[in-house]
Every structure is written in C-alpha cells, then in structure tokens.
Amino acid sequence: MPEPTSPTPTPKWVIVLFLLVFIGSAAWGGYVLAKNAHLRQRGQPTDPIENQTLFGR
C-alpha cells in the first residue's frame, strides 16, 4: 500500500505575485475612483446654496 503524499507547499514567488497583483489592482481602483470624483466635482459650484444636488432638486 503506497503512503499518501503530502501536498507540495506553494512557492513563495506565487504568493508574492498574488500580493502584487492584489495590491496593484486596489491602488489602480482607488486612483480611478479619485480621478472620476475629481472630474465630477469640477462642474459643480463651490457654494453649497448654489449646489442644488445637496437638496435633492
């Protein structure tokens, strides 16, 4: 009867690659969200009374 083989451990480079992709995608997503928020904010007046979006039109 053959002995059961233990699973091979995950190589460190796979873990590092996964972390780099995960952190990179989170940073890119944050950048895109901040850029879109900045672009949306540009056209709105700075005076809160003039900004009708605060009051629900």
PDB file of N, CA and C in Angstrom:
ATOM      1  N   MET A   1       0.854  -1.171   0.000  1.00  0.00           N
ATOM      2  CA  MET A   1       0.000   0.000   0.000  1.00  0.00           C
ATOM      3  C   MET A   1       0.904   1.239   0.000  1.00  0.00           C
ATOM      4  N   PRO A   2       0.784   2.118  -0.970  1.00  0.00           N
ATOM      5  CA  PRO A   2       1.644   3.317  -1.026  1.00  0.00           C
ATOM      6  C   PRO A   2       1.231   4.342   0.031  1.00  0.00           C
ATOM      7  N   GLU A   3       2.224   5.027   0.538  1.00  0.00           N
ATOM      8  CA  GLU A   3       1.938   6.056   1.538  1.00  0.00           C
ATOM      9  C   GLU A   3       1.362   7.298   0.860  1.00  0.00           C
ATOM     10  N   PRO A   4       0.431   7.959   1.523  1.00  0.00           N
ATOM     11  CA  PRO A   4      -0.130   9.175   0.908  1.00  0.00           C
ATOM     12  C   PRO A   4       0.943  10.273   0.871  1.00  0.00           C
ATOM     13  N   THR A   5       0.993  10.949  -0.256  1.00  0.00           N
ATOM     14  CA  THR A   5       1.973  12.018  -0.382  1.00  0.00           C
ATOM     15  C   THR A   5       1.380  13.320   0.148  1.00  0.00           C
ATOM     16  N   SER A   6       2.208  14.073   0.834  1.00  0.00           N
ATOM     17  CA  SER A   6       1.733  15.354   1.348  1.00  0.00           C
ATOM     18  C   SER A   6       1.718  16.376   0.218  1.00  0.00           C
ATOM     19  N   PRO A   7       0.795  17.303   0.254  1.00  0.00           N
ATOM     20  CA  PRO A   7       0.743  18.295  -0.820  1.00  0.00           C
ATOM     21  C   PRO A   7       1.995  19.182  -0.790  1.00  0.00           C
ATOM     22  N   THR A   8       2.438  19.543  -1.969  1.00  0.00           N
ATOM     23  CA  THR A   8       3.637  20.380  -2.037  1.00  0.00           C
ATOM     24  C   THR A   8       3.283  21.799  -1.606  1.00  0.00           C
ATOM     25  N   PRO A   9       4.172  22.439  -0.858  1.00  0.00           N
ATOM     26  CA  PRO A   9       3.872  23.809  -0.426  1.00  0.00           C
ATOM     27  C   PRO A   9       3.897  24.781  -1.611  1.00  0.00           C
ATOM     28  N   THR A  10       3.121  25.837  -1.480  1.00  0.00           N
ATOM     29  CA  THR A  10       3.059  26.842  -2.538  1.00  0.00           C
ATOM     30  C   THR A  10       4.374  27.608  -2.590  1.00  0.00           C
ATOM     31  N   PRO A  11       4.944  27.773  -3.772  1.00  0.00           N
ATOM     32  CA  PRO A  11       6.195  28.530  -3.870  1.00  0.00           C
ATOM     33  C   PRO A  11       5.991  29.992  -3.447  1.00  0.00           C
ATOM     34  N   LYS A  12       7.036  30.571  -2.880  1.00  0.00           N
ATOM     35  CA  LYS A  12       6.929  31.945  -2.380  1.00  0.00           C
ATOM     36  C   LYS A  12       6.676  32.933  -3.511  1.00  0.00           C
ATOM     37  N   TRP A  13       7.217  32.664  -4.697  1.00  0.00           N
ATOM     38  CA  TRP A  13       7.029  33.615  -5.788  1.00  0.00           C
ATOM     39  C   TRP A  13       5.573  33.706  -6.210  1.00  0.00           C
ATOM     40  N   VAL A  14       4.797  32.641  -6.035  1.00  0.00           N
ATOM     41  CA  VAL A  14       3.377  32.675  -6.380  1.00  0.00           C
ATOM     42  C   VAL A  14       2.631  33.572  -5.394  1.00  0.00           C
ATOM     43  N   ILE A  15       2.981  33.462  -4.131  1.00  0.00           N
ATOM     44  CA  ILE A  15       2.347  34.281  -3.106  1.00  0.00           C
ATOM     45  C   ILE A  15       2.693  35.750  -3.310  1.00  0.00           C
ATOM     46  N   VAL A  16       3.959  36.032  -3.596  1.00  0.00           N
ATOM     47  CA  VAL A  16       4.387  37.413  -3.818  1.00  0.00           C
ATOM     48  C   VAL A  16       3.697  37.980  -5.059  1.00  0.00           C
ATOM     49  N   LEU A  17       3.603  37.199  -6.113  1.00  0.00           N
ATOM     50  CA  LEU A  17       2.942  37.650  -7.335  1.00  0.00           C
ATOM     51  C   LEU A  17       1.471  37.948  -7.067  1.00  0.00           C
ATOM     52  N   PHE A  18       0.801  37.075  -6.331  1.00  0.00           N
ATOM     53  CA  PHE A  18      -0.599  37.302  -5.992  1.00  0.00           C
ATOM     54  C   PHE A  18      -0.766  38.588  -5.191  1.00  0.00           C
ATOM     55  N   LEU A  19       0.099  38.810  -4.208  1.00  0.00           N
ATOM     56  CA  LEU A  19       0.007  40.028  -3.397  1.00  0.00           C
ATOM     57  C   LEU A  19       0.256  41.275  -4.239  1.00  0.00           C
ATOM     58  N   LEU A  20       1.227  41.222  -5.145  1.00  0.00           N
ATOM     59  CA  LEU A  20       1.498  42.368  -6.005  1.00  0.00           C
ATOM     60  C   LEU A  20       0.303  42.690  -6.905  1.00  0.00           C
ATOM     61  N   VAL A  21      -0.307  41.669  -7.466  1.00  0.00           N
ATOM     62  CA  VAL A  21      -1.470  41.892  -8.328  1.00  0.00           C
ATOM     63  C   VAL A  21      -2.634  42.428  -7.510  1.00  0.00           C
ATOM     64  N   PHE A  22      -2.852  41.884  -6.329  1.00  0.00           N
ATOM     65  CA  PHE A  22      -3.962  42.318  -5.481  1.00  0.00           C
ATOM     66  C   PHE A  22      -3.782  43.767  -5.042  1.00  0.00           C
ATOM     67  N   ILE A  23      -2.606  44.112  -4.554  1.00  0.00           N
ATOM     68  CA  ILE A  23      -2.346  45.474  -4.084  1.00  0.00           C
ATOM     69  C   ILE A  23      -2.340  46.447  -5.268  1.00  0.00           C
ATOM     70  N   GLY A  24      -1.777  46.029  -6.388  1.00  0.00           N
ATOM     71  CA  GLY A  24      -1.769  46.878  -7.577  1.00  0.00           C
ATOM     72  C   GLY A  24      -3.168  47.175  -8.082  1.00  0.00           C
ATOM     73  N   SER A  25      -4.026  46.180  -8.092  1.00  0.00           N
ATOM     74  CA  SER A  25      -5.391  46.405  -8.571  1.00  0.00           C
ATOM     75  C   SER A  25      -6.169  47.299  -7.599  1.00  0.00           C
ATOM     76  N   ALA A  26      -5.929  47.158  -6.299  1.00  0.00           N
ATOM     77  CA  ALA A  26      -6.590  48.026  -5.326  1.00  0.00           C
ATOM     78  C   ALA A  26      -6.117  49.471  -5.482  1.00  0.00           C
ATOM     79  N   ALA A  27      -4.822  49.671  -5.696  1.00  0.00           N
ATOM     80  CA  ALA A  27      -4.294  51.017  -5.888  1.00  0.00           C
ATOM     81  C   ALA A  27      -4.833  51.630  -7.174  1.00  0.00           C
ATOM     82  N   TRP A  28      -4.884  50.853  -8.251  1.00  0.00           N
ATOM     83  CA  TRP A  28      -5.406  51.356  -9.511  1.00  0.00           C
ATOM     84  C   TRP A  28      -6.890  51.712  -9.386  1.00  0.00           C
ATOM     85  N   GLY A  29      -7.646  50.875  -8.699  1.00  0.00           N
ATOM     86  CA  GLY A  29      -9.073  51.152  -8.491  1.00  0.00           C
ATOM     87  C   GLY A  29      -9.287  52.416  -7.679  1.00  0.00           C
ATOM     88  N   GLY A  30      -8.476  52.616  -6.650  1.00  0.00           N
ATOM     89  CA  GLY A  30      -8.575  53.850  -5.859  1.00  0.00           C
ATOM     90  C   GLY A  30      -8.240  55.075  -6.677  1.00  0.00           C
ATOM     91  N   TYR A  31      -7.233  54.946  -7.528  1.00  0.00           N
ATOM     92  CA  TYR A  31      -6.850  56.067  -8.394  1.00  0.00           C
ATOM     93  C   TYR A  31      -7.986  56.420  -9.356  1.00  0.00           C
ATOM     94  N   VAL A  32      -8.593  55.407  -9.954  1.00  0.00           N
ATOM     95  CA  VAL A  32      -9.678  55.649 -10.902  1.00  0.00           C
ATOM     96  C   VAL A  32     -10.875  56.275 -10.193  1.00  0.00           C
ATOM     97  N   LEU A  33     -11.216  55.806  -9.013  1.00  0.00           N
ATOM     98  CA  LEU A  33     -12.332  56.388  -8.269  1.00  0.00           C
ATOM     99  C   LEU A  33     -12.060  57.842  -7.899  1.00  0.00           C
ATOM    100  N   ALA A  34     -10.840  58.133  -7.451  1.00  0.00           N
ATOM    101  CA  ALA A  34     -10.492  59.506  -7.089  1.00  0.00           C
ATOM    102  C   ALA A  34     -10.498  60.414  -8.316  1.00  0.00           C
ATOM    103  N   LYS A  35     -10.012  59.908  -9.446  1.00  0.00           N
ATOM    104  CA  LYS A  35      -9.986  60.706 -10.670  1.00  0.00           C
ATOM    105  C   LYS A  35     -11.408  61.006 -11.135  1.00  0.00           C
ATOM    106  N   ASN A  36     -12.293  60.020 -11.109  1.00  0.00           N
ATOM    107  CA  ASN A  36     -13.677  60.247 -11.513  1.00  0.00           C
ATOM    108  C   ASN A  36     -14.388  61.206 -10.574  1.00  0.00           C
ATOM    109  N   ALA A  37     -14.136  61.100  -9.281  1.00  0.00           N
ATOM    110  CA  ALA A  37     -14.749  62.025  -8.329  1.00  0.00           C
ATOM    111  C   ALA A  37     -14.271  63.446  -8.579  1.00  0.00           C
ATOM    112  N   HIS A  38     -12.991  63.588  -8.904  1.00  0.00           N
ATOM    113  CA  HIS A  38     -12.445  64.917  -9.184  1.00  0.00           C
ATOM    114  C   HIS A  38     -13.064  65.496 -10.455  1.00  0.00           C
ATOM    115  N   LEU A  39     -13.236  64.666 -11.479  1.00  0.00           N
ATOM    116  CA  LEU A  39     -13.836  65.143 -12.718  1.00  0.00           C
ATOM    117  C   LEU A  39     -15.297  65.529 -12.520  1.00  0.00           C
ATOM    118  N   ARG A  40     -16.023  64.803 -11.711  1.00  0.00           N
ATOM    119  CA  ARG A  40     -17.423  65.127 -11.441  1.00  0.00           C
ATOM    120  C   ARG A  40     -17.556  66.399 -10.620  1.00  0.00           C
ATOM    121  N   GLN A  41     -16.609  66.645  -9.747  1.00  0.00           N
ATOM    122  CA  GLN A  41     -16.674  67.794  -8.852  1.00  0.00           C
ATOM    123  C   GLN A  41     -16.370  69.096  -9.587  1.00  0.00           C
ATOM    124  N   ARG A  42     -15.657  69.020 -10.697  1.00  0.00           N
ATOM    125  CA  ARG A  42     -15.217  70.228 -11.395  1.00  0.00           C
ATOM    126  C   ARG A  42     -16.362  71.114 -11.848  1.00  0.00           C
ATOM    127  N   GLY A  43     -17.431  70.540 -12.345  1.00  0.00           N
ATOM    128  CA  GLY A  43     -18.515  71.332 -12.901  1.00  0.00           C
ATOM    129  C   GLY A  43     -19.482  71.880 -11.873  1.00  0.00           C
ATOM    130  N   GLN A  44     -19.377  71.493 -10.623  1.00  0.00           N
ATOM    131  CA  GLN A  44     -20.336  71.917  -9.619  1.00  0.00           C
ATOM    132  C   GLN A  44     -19.868  73.196  -8.931  1.00  0.00           C
ATOM    133  N   PRO A  45     -20.793  74.071  -8.584  1.00  0.00           N
ATOM    134  CA  PRO A  45     -20.403  75.293  -7.881  1.00  0.00           C
ATOM    135  C   PRO A  45     -19.892  74.983  -6.481  1.00  0.00           C
ATOM    136  N   THR A  46     -19.004  75.836  -5.986  1.00  0.00           N
ATOM    137  CA  THR A  46     -18.435  75.602  -4.653  1.00  0.00           C
ATOM    138  C   THR A  46     -19.356  76.083  -3.552  1.00  0.00           C
ATOM    139  N   ASP A  47     -20.280  76.978  -3.864  1.00  0.00           N
ATOM    140  CA  ASP A  47     -21.220  77.483  -2.862  1.00  0.00           C
ATOM    141  C   ASP A  47     -22.298  76.430  -2.615  1.00  0.00           C
ATOM    142  N   PRO A  48     -22.490  75.985  -1.375  1.00  0.00           N
ATOM    143  CA  PRO A  48     -23.473  74.929  -1.129  1.00  0.00           C
ATOM    144  C   PRO A  48     -24.908  75.377  -1.407  1.00  0.00           C
ATOM    145  N   ILE A  49     -25.188  76.666  -1.362  1.00  0.00           N
ATOM    146  CA  ILE A  49     -26.539  77.134  -1.664  1.00  0.00           C
ATOM    147  C   ILE A  49     -26.815  76.992  -3.168  1.00  0.00           C
ATOM    148  N   GLU A  50     -25.800  77.262  -4.000  1.00  0.00           N
ATOM    149  CA  GLU A  50     -25.957  77.131  -5.450  1.00  0.00           C
ATOM    150  C   GLU A  50     -25.945  75.675  -5.896  1.00  0.00           C
ATOM    151  N   ASN A  51     -25.360  74.805  -5.112  1.00  0.00           N
ATOM    152  CA  ASN A  51     -25.267  73.394  -5.474  1.00  0.00           C
ATOM    153  C   ASN A  51     -26.593  72.721  -5.147  1.00  0.00           C
ATOM    154  N   GLN A  52     -27.441  72.576  -6.160  1.00  0.00           N
ATOM    155  CA  GLN A  52     -28.788  72.041  -5.945  1.00  0.00           C
ATOM    156  C   GLN A  52     -28.768  70.532  -5.694  1.00  0.00           C
ATOM    157  N   THR A  53     -27.657  69.842  -5.963  1.00  0.00           N
ATOM    158  CA  THR A  53     -27.630  68.403  -5.735  1.00  0.00           C
ATOM    159  C   THR A  53     -27.682  68.064  -4.249  1.00  0.00           C
ATOM    160  N   LEU A  54     -27.314  69.011  -3.400  1.00  0.00           N
ATOM    161  CA  LEU A  54     -27.368  68.762  -1.955  1.00  0.00           C
ATOM    162  C   LEU A  54     -28.817  68.704  -1.455  1.00  0.00           C
ATOM    163  N   PHE A  55     -29.707  69.373  -2.163  1.00  0.00           N
ATOM    164  CA  PHE A  55     -31.082  69.487  -1.674  1.00  0.00           C
ATOM    165  C   PHE A  55     -32.053  68.582  -2.420  1.00  0.00           C
ATOM    166  N   GLY A  56     -31.580  67.763  -3.295  1.00  0.00           N
ATOM    167  CA  GLY A  56     -32.424  66.779  -3.952  1.00  0.00           C
ATOM    168  C   GLY A  56     -33.299  67.337  -5.049  1.00  0.00           C
ATOM    169  N   ARG A  57     -33.026  68.490  -5.571  1.00  0.00           N
ATOM    170  CA  ARG A  57     -33.780  69.114  -6.669  1.00  0.00           C
ATOM    171  C   ARG A  57     -35.244  68.999  -6.453  1.00  0.00           C
TER     172      ARG A  57
END
